[in-house]
C-alpha atoms as a PDB file:
ATOM      1  CA  UNK A   1     124.978  28.962  92.030  1.00  0.00           C
ATOM      2  CA  UNK A   2     123.464  29.312  88.582  1.00  0.00           C
ATOM      3  CA  UNK A   3     123.505  26.713  85.842  1.00  0.00           C
ATOM      4  CA  UNK A   4     125.783  28.761  83.861  1.00  0.00           C
ATOM      5  CA  UNK A   5     127.397  31.322  86.151  1.00  0.00           C
ATOM      6  CA  UNK A   6     129.804  29.540  88.598  1.00  0.00           C
ATOM      7  CA  UNK A   7     130.741  30.990  91.952  1.00  0.00           C
ATOM      8  CA  UNK A   8     133.864  30.166  93.483  1.00  0.00           C
ATOM      9  CA  UNK A   9     135.652  30.664  96.908  1.00  0.00           C
ATOM     10  CA  UNK A  10     139.447  30.262  96.336  1.00  0.00           C
ATOM     11  CA  UNK A  11     142.926  31.113  97.429  1.00  0.00           C
ATOM     12  CA  UNK A  12     145.894  31.814  95.212  1.00  0.00           C
ATOM     13  CA  UNK A  13     149.153  33.629  95.417  1.00  0.00           C
ATOM     14  CA  UNK A  14     148.740  36.958  93.408  1.00  0.00           C
ATOM     15  CA  UNK A  15     152.470  37.541  92.942  1.00  0.00           C
ATOM     16  CA  UNK A  16     154.782  34.398  93.065  1.00  0.00           C
ATOM     17  CA  UNK A  17     157.939  36.594  93.292  1.00  0.00           C
ATOM     18  CA  UNK A  18     156.650  37.480  96.799  1.00  0.00           C
ATOM     19  CA  UNK A  19     156.956  33.769  97.975  1.00  0.00           C
ATOM     20  CA  UNK A  20     160.818  33.806  97.483  1.00  0.00           C
ATOM     21  CA  UNK A  21     161.171  37.267  98.933  1.00  0.00           C
ATOM     22  CA  UNK A  22     159.183  36.279 102.109  1.00  0.00           C
ATOM     23  CA  UNK A  23     160.541  32.754 102.553  1.00  0.00           C
ATOM     24  CA  UNK A  24     163.775  32.534 100.369  1.00  0.00           C
ATOM     25  CA  UNK A  25     165.290  29.436 101.915  1.00  0.00           C
ATOM     26  CA  UNK A  26     162.012  27.562 102.249  1.00  0.00           C
ATOM     27  CA  UNK A  27     160.978  28.376  98.635  1.00  0.00           C
ATOM     28  CA  UNK A  28     164.357  27.182  97.395  1.00  0.00           C
ATOM     29  CA  UNK A  29     164.333  24.034  99.439  1.00  0.00           C
ATOM     30  CA  UNK A  30     160.669  23.476  98.505  1.00  0.00           C
ATOM     31  CA  UNK A  31     161.030  24.036  94.587  1.00  0.00           C
ATOM     32  CA  UNK A  32     164.096  21.764  94.686  1.00  0.00           C
ATOM     33  CA  UNK A  33     161.908  18.790  95.348  1.00  0.00           C
ATOM     34  CA  UNK A  34     161.806  16.914  91.911  1.00  0.00           C
ATOM     35  CA  UNK A  35     157.830  17.687  91.162  1.00  0.00           C
ATOM     36  CA  UNK A  36     156.312  19.364  88.216  1.00  0.00           C
ATOM     37  CA  UNK A  37     155.971  22.890  89.572  1.00  0.00           C
ATOM     38  CA  UNK A  38     153.633  24.759  87.411  1.00  0.00           C
ATOM     39  CA  UNK A  39     153.031  27.352  90.017  1.00  0.00           C
ATOM     40  CA  UNK A  40     155.353  28.772  92.744  1.00  0.00           C
ATOM     41  CA  UNK A  41     152.718  29.979  95.323  1.00  0.00           C
ATOM     42  CA  UNK A  42     152.346  29.487  98.932  1.00  0.00           C
ATOM     43  CA  UNK A  43     150.077  26.401  98.803  1.00  0.00           C
ATOM     44  CA  UNK A  44     152.284  24.829  96.212  1.00  0.00           C
ATOM     45  CA  UNK A  45     155.341  25.665  98.394  1.00  0.00           C
ATOM     46  CA  UNK A  46     153.661  23.974 101.386  1.00  0.00           C
ATOM     47  CA  UNK A  47     152.860  20.998  99.254  1.00  0.00           C
ATOM     48  CA  UNK A  48     156.313  20.474  98.048  1.00  0.00           C
ATOM     49  CA  UNK A  49     157.763  21.022 101.516  1.00  0.00           C
ATOM     50  CA  UNK A  50     155.449  18.246 102.720  1.00  0.00           C
ATOM     51  CA  UNK A  51     156.626  15.968  99.956  1.00  0.00           C
ATOM     52  CA  UNK A  52     160.203  16.893 100.374  1.00  0.00           C
ATOM     53  CA  UNK A  53     159.795  15.897 103.998  1.00  0.00           C
ATOM     54  CA  UNK A  54     158.409  12.593 103.213  1.00  0.00           C
ATOM     55  CA  UNK A  55     160.500  11.745 100.179  1.00  0.00           C
ATOM     56  CA  UNK A  56     163.805  13.769 100.150  1.00  0.00           C
ATOM     57  CA  UNK A  57     167.065  12.928 102.190  1.00  0.00           C
ATOM     58  CA  UNK A  58     167.547  16.160 103.815  1.00  0.00           C
ATOM     59  CA  UNK A  59     170.535  16.628 106.245  1.00  0.00           C
ATOM     60  CA  UNK A  60     169.299  15.311 109.749  1.00  0.00           C
ATOM     61  CA  UNK A  61     169.885  18.738 111.517  1.00  0.00           C
ATOM     62  CA  UNK A  62     167.501  20.433 108.837  1.00  0.00           C
ATOM     63  CA  UNK A  63     164.959  17.559 109.130  1.00  0.00           C
ATOM     64  CA  UNK A  64     164.871  18.102 112.920  1.00  0.00           C
ATOM     65  CA  UNK A  65     164.547  21.783 112.654  1.00  0.00           C
ATOM     66  CA  UNK A  66     161.716  21.883 110.117  1.00  0.00           C
ATOM     67  CA  UNK A  67     159.695  18.566 110.716  1.00  0.00           C
ATOM     68  CA  UNK A  68     157.318  19.967 113.293  1.00  0.00           C
ATOM     69  CA  UNK A  69     156.689  23.207 111.279  1.00  0.00           C
ATOM     70  CA  UNK A  70     156.233  21.633 107.980  1.00  0.00           C
ATOM     71  CA  UNK A  71     153.740  19.283 109.519  1.00  0.00           C
ATOM     72  CA  UNK A  72     151.823  22.255 110.832  1.00  0.00           C
ATOM     73  CA  UNK A  73     151.894  24.059 107.590  1.00  0.00           C
ATOM     74  CA  UNK A  74     150.668  21.130 105.762  1.00  0.00           C
ATOM     75  CA  UNK A  75     147.791  20.620 108.385  1.00  0.00           C
ATOM     76  CA  UNK A  76     146.897  24.322 108.144  1.00  0.00           C
ATOM     77  CA  UNK A  77     146.787  24.138 104.170  1.00  0.00           C
ATOM     78  CA  UNK A  78     144.355  21.087 104.478  1.00  0.00           C
ATOM     79  CA  UNK A  79     142.179  23.072 106.781  1.00  0.00           C
ATOM     80  CA  UNK A  80     142.308  26.099 104.578  1.00  0.00           C
ATOM     81  CA  UNK A  81     141.324  24.165 101.462  1.00  0.00           C
ATOM     82  CA  UNK A  82     138.438  22.706 103.491  1.00  0.00           C
ATOM     83  CA  UNK A  83     137.244  26.084 104.669  1.00  0.00           C
ATOM     84  CA  UNK A  84     137.327  27.005 100.940  1.00  0.00           C
ATOM     85  CA  UNK A  85     135.414  24.090  99.962  1.00  0.00           C
ATOM     86  CA  UNK A  86     132.928  24.682 102.554  1.00  0.00           C
ATOM     87  CA  UNK A  87     132.262  28.281 101.479  1.00  0.00           C
ATOM     88  CA  UNK A  88     133.842  29.643 104.694  1.00  0.00           C
ATOM     89  CA  UNK A  89     135.953  32.538 103.412  1.00  0.00           C
ATOM     90  CA  UNK A  90     136.425  34.038 106.915  1.00  0.00           C
ATOM     91  CA  UNK A  91     137.942  30.782 108.316  1.00  0.00           C
ATOM     92  CA  UNK A  92     140.014  30.544 105.173  1.00  0.00           C
ATOM     93  CA  UNK A  93     141.465  33.936 105.790  1.00  0.00           C
ATOM     94  CA  UNK A  94     142.162  33.294 109.292  1.00  0.00           C
ATOM     95  CA  UNK A  95     143.975  30.108 108.371  1.00  0.00           C
ATOM     96  CA  UNK A  96     145.853  31.960 105.489  1.00  0.00           C
ATOM     97  CA  UNK A  97     147.147  34.339 108.262  1.00  0.00           C
ATOM     98  CA  UNK A  98     148.086  31.408 110.477  1.00  0.00           C
ATOM     99  CA  UNK A  99     150.029  29.763 107.675  1.00  0.00           C
ATOM    100  CA  UNK A 100     151.967  32.856 106.875  1.00  0.00           C
ATOM    101  CA  UNK A 101     152.952  33.202 110.460  1.00  0.00           C
ATOM    102  CA  UNK A 102     153.951  29.542 110.600  1.00  0.00           C
ATOM    103  CA  UNK A 103     156.006  29.971 107.461  1.00  0.00           C
ATOM    104  CA  UNK A 104     157.842  32.993 108.928  1.00  0.00           C
ATOM    105  CA  UNK A 105     158.739  30.811 112.023  1.00  0.00           C
ATOM    106  CA  UNK A 106     159.842  28.064 109.816  1.00  0.00           C
ATOM    107  CA  UNK A 107     162.040  30.273 107.613  1.00  0.00           C
ATOM    108  CA  UNK A 108     163.725  31.298 111.000  1.00  0.00           C
ATOM    109  CA  UNK A 109     164.205  27.730 111.978  1.00  0.00           C
ATOM    110  CA  UNK A 110     165.815  26.771 108.699  1.00  0.00           C
ATOM    111  CA  UNK A 111     169.290  25.249 109.068  1.00  0.00           C
END
C-alpha cells in the first residue's frame, strides 16, 4: 500500500433493495430493531438480527426457530470481516456464499 494510494478489500451490498427481496421477513424483523440504520445491507441486517436476538422480546416460537441460525449468521459475518481484514478475498467470498445460504434457511424457518 502506498503512502497516498490506499488499497482495500471490502464487502458491501451493492443494491440494498435486493436484501428485502431475498429475505423479506428477516429484513423486516432486523430493521425493526431500534438502531440507527444508515444502511440496509446484508451485513447490517445480520448485525441487527444479532442485536435483536440479544435485546428484543420476540415471541418464544420465533426465538426458538431463529436463534441457532442467527447465531450462525453472526459468526459467519465475524469470520468474513476477519478474512477481509487479513486480505483474504477468496475466503471472504466463500463465507459470503455460506452466509447467504444460511440466511435462505433462516428465512424459511421464520415464524
